[in-house]
C-alpha atoms as a PDB file:
ATOM      1  CA  UNK A   1      10.018 -36.393  75.949  1.00  0.00           C
ATOM      2  CA  UNK A   2      12.836 -33.532  73.784  1.00  0.00           C
ATOM      3  CA  UNK A   3      14.774 -35.776  74.357  1.00  0.00           C
ATOM      4  CA  UNK A   4      12.786 -39.017  72.900  1.00  0.00           C
ATOM      5  CA  UNK A   5      12.269 -36.073  69.662  1.00  0.00           C
ATOM      6  CA  UNK A   6      16.232 -35.873  69.232  1.00  0.00           C
ATOM      7  CA  UNK A   7      16.466 -38.962  69.115  1.00  0.00           C
ATOM      8  CA  UNK A   8      13.887 -39.356  66.762  1.00  0.00           C
ATOM      9  CA  UNK A   9      14.629 -37.110  64.445  1.00  0.00           C
ATOM     10  CA  UNK A  10      18.462 -38.302  65.384  1.00  0.00           C
ATOM     11  CA  UNK A  11      17.422 -41.699  63.837  1.00  0.00           C
ATOM     12  CA  UNK A  12      15.600 -40.176  60.466  1.00  0.00           C
ATOM     13  CA  UNK A  13      18.791 -38.593  59.693  1.00  0.00           C
ATOM     14  CA  UNK A  14      20.710 -41.645  59.837  1.00  0.00           C
ATOM     15  CA  UNK A  15      17.720 -43.455  58.327  1.00  0.00           C
ATOM     16  CA  UNK A  16      18.260 -41.293  55.350  1.00  0.00           C
ATOM     17  CA  UNK A  17      22.286 -41.327  55.138  1.00  0.00           C
ATOM     18  CA  UNK A  18      22.153 -44.663  54.941  1.00  0.00           C
ATOM     19  CA  UNK A  19      19.701 -44.750  52.217  1.00  0.00           C
ATOM     20  CA  UNK A  20      21.535 -42.122  50.572  1.00  0.00           C
ATOM     21  CA  UNK A  21      24.451 -44.028  50.436  1.00  0.00           C
ATOM     22  CA  UNK A  22      23.024 -47.174  49.102  1.00  0.00           C
ATOM     23  CA  UNK A  23      21.616 -45.040  46.724  1.00  0.00           C
ATOM     24  CA  UNK A  24      25.018 -43.779  45.357  1.00  0.00           C
ATOM     25  CA  UNK A  25      26.908 -46.746  45.657  1.00  0.00           C
ATOM     26  CA  UNK A  26      23.694 -48.484  43.189  1.00  0.00           C
ATOM     27  CA  UNK A  27      24.253 -45.677  40.736  1.00  0.00           C
ATOM     28  CA  UNK A  28      28.191 -45.585  40.747  1.00  0.00           C
ATOM     29  CA  UNK A  29      27.734 -48.707  40.244  1.00  0.00           C
ATOM     30  CA  UNK A  30      25.474 -48.967  37.448  1.00  0.00           C
ATOM     31  CA  UNK A  31      28.026 -46.089  35.640  1.00  0.00           C
ATOM     32  CA  UNK A  32      30.761 -47.948  36.011  1.00  0.00           C
ATOM     33  CA  UNK A  33      29.940 -51.252  34.412  1.00  0.00           C
ATOM     34  CA  UNK A  34      27.861 -48.887  31.493  1.00  0.00           C
ATOM     35  CA  UNK A  35      31.246 -47.214  30.936  1.00  0.00           C
ATOM     36  CA  UNK A  36      32.942 -50.426  31.050  1.00  0.00           C
ATOM     37  CA  UNK A  37      30.755 -51.874  28.075  1.00  0.00           C
ATOM     38  CA  UNK A  38      32.317 -51.539  24.567  1.00  0.00           C
ATOM     39  CA  UNK A  39      30.885 -48.647  22.484  1.00  0.00           C
ATOM     40  CA  UNK A  40      31.381 -50.420  18.703  1.00  0.00           C
ATOM     41  CA  UNK A  41      28.662 -48.960  15.976  1.00  0.00           C
ATOM     42  CA  UNK A  42      25.027 -50.258  16.733  1.00  0.00           C
ATOM     43  CA  UNK A  43      23.994 -53.429  15.029  1.00  0.00           C
ATOM     44  CA  UNK A  44      20.671 -54.621  14.041  1.00  0.00           C
ATOM     45  CA  UNK A  45      20.307 -58.546  14.834  1.00  0.00           C
ATOM     46  CA  UNK A  46      19.220 -60.896  12.768  1.00  0.00           C
ATOM     47  CA  UNK A  47      15.917 -60.469  11.344  1.00  0.00           C
ATOM     48  CA  UNK A  48      13.928 -63.706  12.073  1.00  0.00           C
ATOM     49  CA  UNK A  49      11.629 -64.863   9.036  1.00  0.00           C
ATOM     50  CA  UNK A  50       8.799 -64.290  10.197  1.00  0.00           C
ATOM     51  CA  UNK A  51      10.066 -60.746  10.721  1.00  0.00           C
ATOM     52  CA  UNK A  52      11.366 -60.521   7.097  1.00  0.00           C
ATOM     53  CA  UNK A  53       7.631 -60.608   6.442  1.00  0.00           C
ATOM     54  CA  UNK A  54       6.261 -58.662   8.350  1.00  0.00           C
ATOM     55  CA  UNK A  55       9.165 -55.762   7.884  1.00  0.00           C
ATOM     56  CA  UNK A  56       9.273 -55.767   4.122  1.00  0.00           C
ATOM     57  CA  UNK A  57       6.200 -55.682   2.598  1.00  0.00           C
ATOM     58  CA  UNK A  58       5.025 -53.166   5.436  1.00  0.00           C
ATOM     59  CA  UNK A  59       8.187 -50.481   4.898  1.00  0.00           C
ATOM     60  CA  UNK A  60       7.670 -50.879   1.007  1.00  0.00           C
ATOM     61  CA  UNK A  61       4.014 -49.849   1.484  1.00  0.00           C
ATOM     62  CA  UNK A  62       5.383 -46.817   4.013  1.00  0.00           C
ATOM     63  CA  UNK A  63       7.141 -45.659   1.429  1.00  0.00           C
ATOM     64  CA  UNK A  64       4.546 -45.816  -1.718  1.00  0.00           C
ATOM     65  CA  UNK A  65       2.535 -43.160   0.391  1.00  0.00           C
ATOM     66  CA  UNK A  66       5.953 -40.626  -0.468  1.00  0.00           C
ATOM     67  CA  UNK A  67       5.914 -42.290  -4.124  1.00  0.00           C
ATOM     68  CA  UNK A  68       2.207 -41.508  -4.525  1.00  0.00           C
ATOM     69  CA  UNK A  69       2.839 -38.055  -2.630  1.00  0.00           C
ATOM     70  CA  UNK A  70       4.935 -37.264  -5.206  1.00  0.00           C
ATOM     71  CA  UNK A  71       3.079 -38.788  -8.307  1.00  0.00           C
ATOM     72  CA  UNK A  72       0.420 -36.780  -6.952  1.00  0.00           C
ATOM     73  CA  UNK A  73       2.946 -33.656  -7.922  1.00  0.00           C
ATOM     74  CA  UNK A  74       3.201 -34.559 -10.822  1.00  0.00           C
ATOM     75  CA  UNK A  75      -0.043 -34.867 -12.284  1.00  0.00           C
ATOM     76  CA  UNK A  76      -1.093 -31.269 -10.918  1.00  0.00           C
ATOM     77  CA  UNK A  77       1.973 -29.519 -11.888  1.00  0.00           C
ATOM     78  CA  UNK A  78       3.158 -31.146 -15.199  1.00  0.00           C
ATOM     79  CA  UNK A  79       1.515 -30.954 -18.279  1.00  0.00           C
ATOM     80  CA  UNK A  80       0.175 -34.314 -19.562  1.00  0.00           C
ATOM     81  CA  UNK A  81       0.576 -34.016 -22.858  1.00  0.00           C
ATOM     82  CA  UNK A  82       3.152 -34.014 -23.065  1.00  0.00           C
ATOM     83  CA  UNK A  83       3.238 -38.014 -22.330  1.00  0.00           C
ATOM     84  CA  UNK A  84       6.982 -39.077 -22.663  1.00  0.00           C
ATOM     85  CA  UNK A  85       8.525 -36.164 -20.609  1.00  0.00           C
ATOM     86  CA  UNK A  86       5.666 -37.814 -17.938  1.00  0.00           C
ATOM     87  CA  UNK A  87       6.338 -40.419 -17.847  1.00  0.00           C
ATOM     88  CA  UNK A  88      10.434 -40.233 -18.211  1.00  0.00           C
ATOM     89  CA  UNK A  89       9.540 -37.733 -14.798  1.00  0.00           C
ATOM     90  CA  UNK A  90       8.081 -41.156 -13.456  1.00  0.00           C
ATOM     91  CA  UNK A  91       9.758 -43.935 -14.118  1.00  0.00           C
ATOM     92  CA  UNK A  92      12.761 -41.546 -12.947  1.00  0.00           C
ATOM     93  CA  UNK A  93      10.529 -40.954 -10.242  1.00  0.00           C
ATOM     94  CA  UNK A  94       9.773 -44.706  -8.933  1.00  0.00           C
ATOM     95  CA  UNK A  95      13.404 -46.652 -10.350  1.00  0.00           C
ATOM     96  CA  UNK A  96      14.456 -43.534  -8.276  1.00  0.00           C
ATOM     97  CA  UNK A  97      12.716 -44.032  -5.033  1.00  0.00           C
ATOM     98  CA  UNK A  98      12.475 -47.966  -5.617  1.00  0.00           C
ATOM     99  CA  UNK A  99      16.677 -48.119  -5.505  1.00  0.00           C
ATOM    100  CA  UNK A 100      17.472 -46.167  -2.116  1.00  0.00           C
ATOM    101  CA  UNK A 101      14.950 -49.036  -0.552  1.00  0.00           C
ATOM    102  CA  UNK A 102      16.839 -51.749  -2.008  1.00  0.00           C
ATOM    103  CA  UNK A 103      19.759 -50.509  -0.621  1.00  0.00           C
ATOM    104  CA  UNK A 104      17.987 -50.416   2.526  1.00  0.00           C
ATOM    105  CA  UNK A 105      16.870 -53.424   2.391  1.00  0.00           C
ATOM    106  CA  UNK A 106      20.316 -55.304   1.333  1.00  0.00           C
ATOM    107  CA  UNK A 107      21.556 -53.546   4.543  1.00  0.00           C
ATOM    108  CA  UNK A 108      19.616 -56.319   6.294  1.00  0.00           C
ATOM    109  CA  UNK A 109      20.203 -59.488   7.715  1.00  0.00           C
ATOM    110  CA  UNK A 110      17.032 -61.363   6.423  1.00  0.00           C
ATOM    111  CA  UNK A 111      17.067 -65.215   5.738  1.00  0.00           C
ATOM    112  CA  UNK A 112      16.820 -63.803   2.231  1.00  0.00           C
ATOM    113  CA  UNK A 113      20.869 -62.529   1.298  1.00  0.00           C
ATOM    114  CA  UNK A 114      20.541 -59.026  -0.388  1.00  0.00           C
ATOM    115  CA  UNK A 115      16.609 -59.376  -0.429  1.00  0.00           C
ATOM    116  CA  UNK A 116      16.009 -55.928  -1.658  1.00  0.00           C
ATOM    117  CA  UNK A 117      17.578 -57.035  -4.956  1.00  0.00           C
ATOM    118  CA  UNK A 118      15.440 -60.007  -4.482  1.00  0.00           C
ATOM    119  CA  UNK A 119      12.222 -57.659  -4.043  1.00  0.00           C
ATOM    120  CA  UNK A 120      14.300 -56.088  -6.856  1.00  0.00           C
ATOM    121  CA  UNK A 121      13.708 -59.002  -8.759  1.00  0.00           C
ATOM    122  CA  UNK A 122      10.504 -60.296  -7.888  1.00  0.00           C
ATOM    123  CA  UNK A 123       8.371 -57.418  -8.291  1.00  0.00           C
ATOM    124  CA  UNK A 124       6.930 -56.827 -12.297  1.00  0.00           C
ATOM    125  CA  UNK A 125       7.602 -53.587 -12.841  1.00  0.00           C
ATOM    126  CA  UNK A 126       7.617 -52.718 -15.974  1.00  0.00           C
ATOM    127  CA  UNK A 127       3.896 -54.332 -15.604  1.00  0.00           C
ATOM    128  CA  UNK A 128       3.101 -51.739 -12.212  1.00  0.00           C
ATOM    129  CA  UNK A 129       4.582 -49.012 -14.433  1.00  0.00           C
ATOM    130  CA  UNK A 130       2.465 -49.355 -17.328  1.00  0.00           C
ATOM    131  CA  UNK A 131      -0.865 -50.007 -14.844  1.00  0.00           C
ATOM    132  CA  UNK A 132       0.550 -46.736 -13.640  1.00  0.00           C
ATOM    133  CA  UNK A 133       0.818 -45.217 -16.963  1.00  0.00           C
ATOM    134  CA  UNK A 134      -3.003 -46.658 -17.587  1.00  0.00           C
ATOM    135  CA  UNK A 135      -4.200 -44.461 -14.714  1.00  0.00           C
ATOM    136  CA  UNK A 136      -2.407 -41.204 -15.584  1.00  0.00           C
ATOM    137  CA  UNK A 137      -3.250 -40.877 -19.127  1.00  0.00           C
ATOM    138  CA  UNK A 138      -6.956 -41.230 -18.280  1.00  0.00           C
ATOM    139  CA  UNK A 139      -8.305 -37.691 -19.167  1.00  0.00           C
ATOM    140  CA  UNK A 140     -11.843 -39.606 -17.443  1.00  0.00           C
ATOM    141  CA  UNK A 141     -10.201 -39.310 -14.112  1.00  0.00           C
ATOM    142  CA  UNK A 142      -9.817 -36.248 -11.488  1.00  0.00           C
ATOM    143  CA  UNK A 143      -6.628 -36.082  -9.786  1.00  0.00           C
ATOM    144  CA  UNK A 144      -7.771 -38.011  -6.501  1.00  0.00           C
ATOM    145  CA  UNK A 145      -9.399 -40.492  -8.908  1.00  0.00           C
ATOM    146  CA  UNK A 146      -6.601 -40.987 -10.527  1.00  0.00           C
ATOM    147  CA  UNK A 147      -3.935 -41.179  -7.074  1.00  0.00           C
ATOM    148  CA  UNK A 148      -6.670 -43.475  -5.655  1.00  0.00           C
ATOM    149  CA  UNK A 149      -6.497 -45.702  -8.351  1.00  0.00           C
ATOM    150  CA  UNK A 150      -2.369 -46.161  -8.184  1.00  0.00           C
ATOM    151  CA  UNK A 151      -2.297 -46.709  -4.570  1.00  0.00           C
ATOM    152  CA  UNK A 152      -4.851 -49.184  -5.925  1.00  0.00           C
ATOM    153  CA  UNK A 153      -1.944 -50.751  -8.580  1.00  0.00           C
ATOM    154  CA  UNK A 154       0.394 -50.492  -6.239  1.00  0.00           C
ATOM    155  CA  UNK A 155      -1.299 -52.576  -3.210  1.00  0.00           C
ATOM    156  CA  UNK A 156      -1.732 -55.009  -6.215  1.00  0.00           C
ATOM    157  CA  UNK A 157       1.773 -55.341  -7.309  1.00  0.00           C
ATOM    158  CA  UNK A 158       2.906 -55.194  -3.782  1.00  0.00           C
ATOM    159  CA  UNK A 159       0.835 -58.295  -2.125  1.00  0.00           C
ATOM    160  CA  UNK A 160       1.603 -60.307  -5.150  1.00  0.00           C
ATOM    161  CA  UNK A 161       5.397 -60.073  -4.575  1.00  0.00           C
ATOM    162  CA  UNK A 162       4.885 -60.498  -0.661  1.00  0.00           C
ATOM    163  CA  UNK A 163       3.234 -63.054  -2.067  1.00  0.00           C
ATOM    164  CA  UNK A 164       6.554 -64.764  -3.182  1.00  0.00           C
ATOM    165  CA  UNK A 165       8.783 -63.820  -0.203  1.00  0.00           C
ATOM    166  CA  UNK A 166       6.303 -66.077   1.839  1.00  0.00           C
ATOM    167  CA  UNK A 167       6.759 -68.276  -0.586  1.00  0.00           C
ATOM    168  CA  UNK A 168      10.030 -68.473  -0.706  1.00  0.00           C
ATOM    169  CA  UNK A 169      10.328 -68.297   2.712  1.00  0.00           C
ATOM    170  CA  UNK A 170       8.229 -71.201   3.445  1.00  0.00           C
ATOM    171  CA  UNK A 171      10.960 -72.516   0.876  1.00  0.00           C
ATOM    172  CA  UNK A 172      14.178 -71.797   3.149  1.00  0.00           C
ATOM    173  CA  UNK A 173      12.626 -72.294   6.297  1.00  0.00           C
ATOM    174  CA  UNK A 174      10.362 -75.537   5.872  1.00  0.00           C
ATOM    175  CA  UNK A 175       7.636 -73.646   7.633  1.00  0.00           C
ATOM    176  CA  UNK A 176       3.943 -71.950   6.872  1.00  0.00           C
ATOM    177  CA  UNK A 177       4.171 -67.839   7.149  1.00  0.00           C
END
């Protein structure tokens, strides 16, 4: 009985040892293969038309939240009686934020080359800005009402540009998006 117990323990140790050796060989091969891969700069794959028409509007909307926070700060802290100063600040902030996104978008490999420039050219910024100013200087509204209305204005202009993007993508690919 004692010999069978010793043999079973010895067999367990052999099985564990073989299992361990196989595991070590597997990890070695994995790391050897990993180390053999060339290390280079990370790249972004080419965006499909479907990904483009999803990603660009989503990122524009995402960045709008930050713009609304800055606008809320201006509405709460600036003297709205000094219309020219407020207009200058809002214009500069919106143009600066937008230029950052345009440069980021231009780095993407999409069916539309330099899609950031395309988006800027197709977004009706002047009328958008006039609509924002209408809300900012509406003395009948609270700050939160102004922000809510400005969000609606942003959505309207972004949706119009997204429709233009869909039309352009349909022209380029012949598909219906």
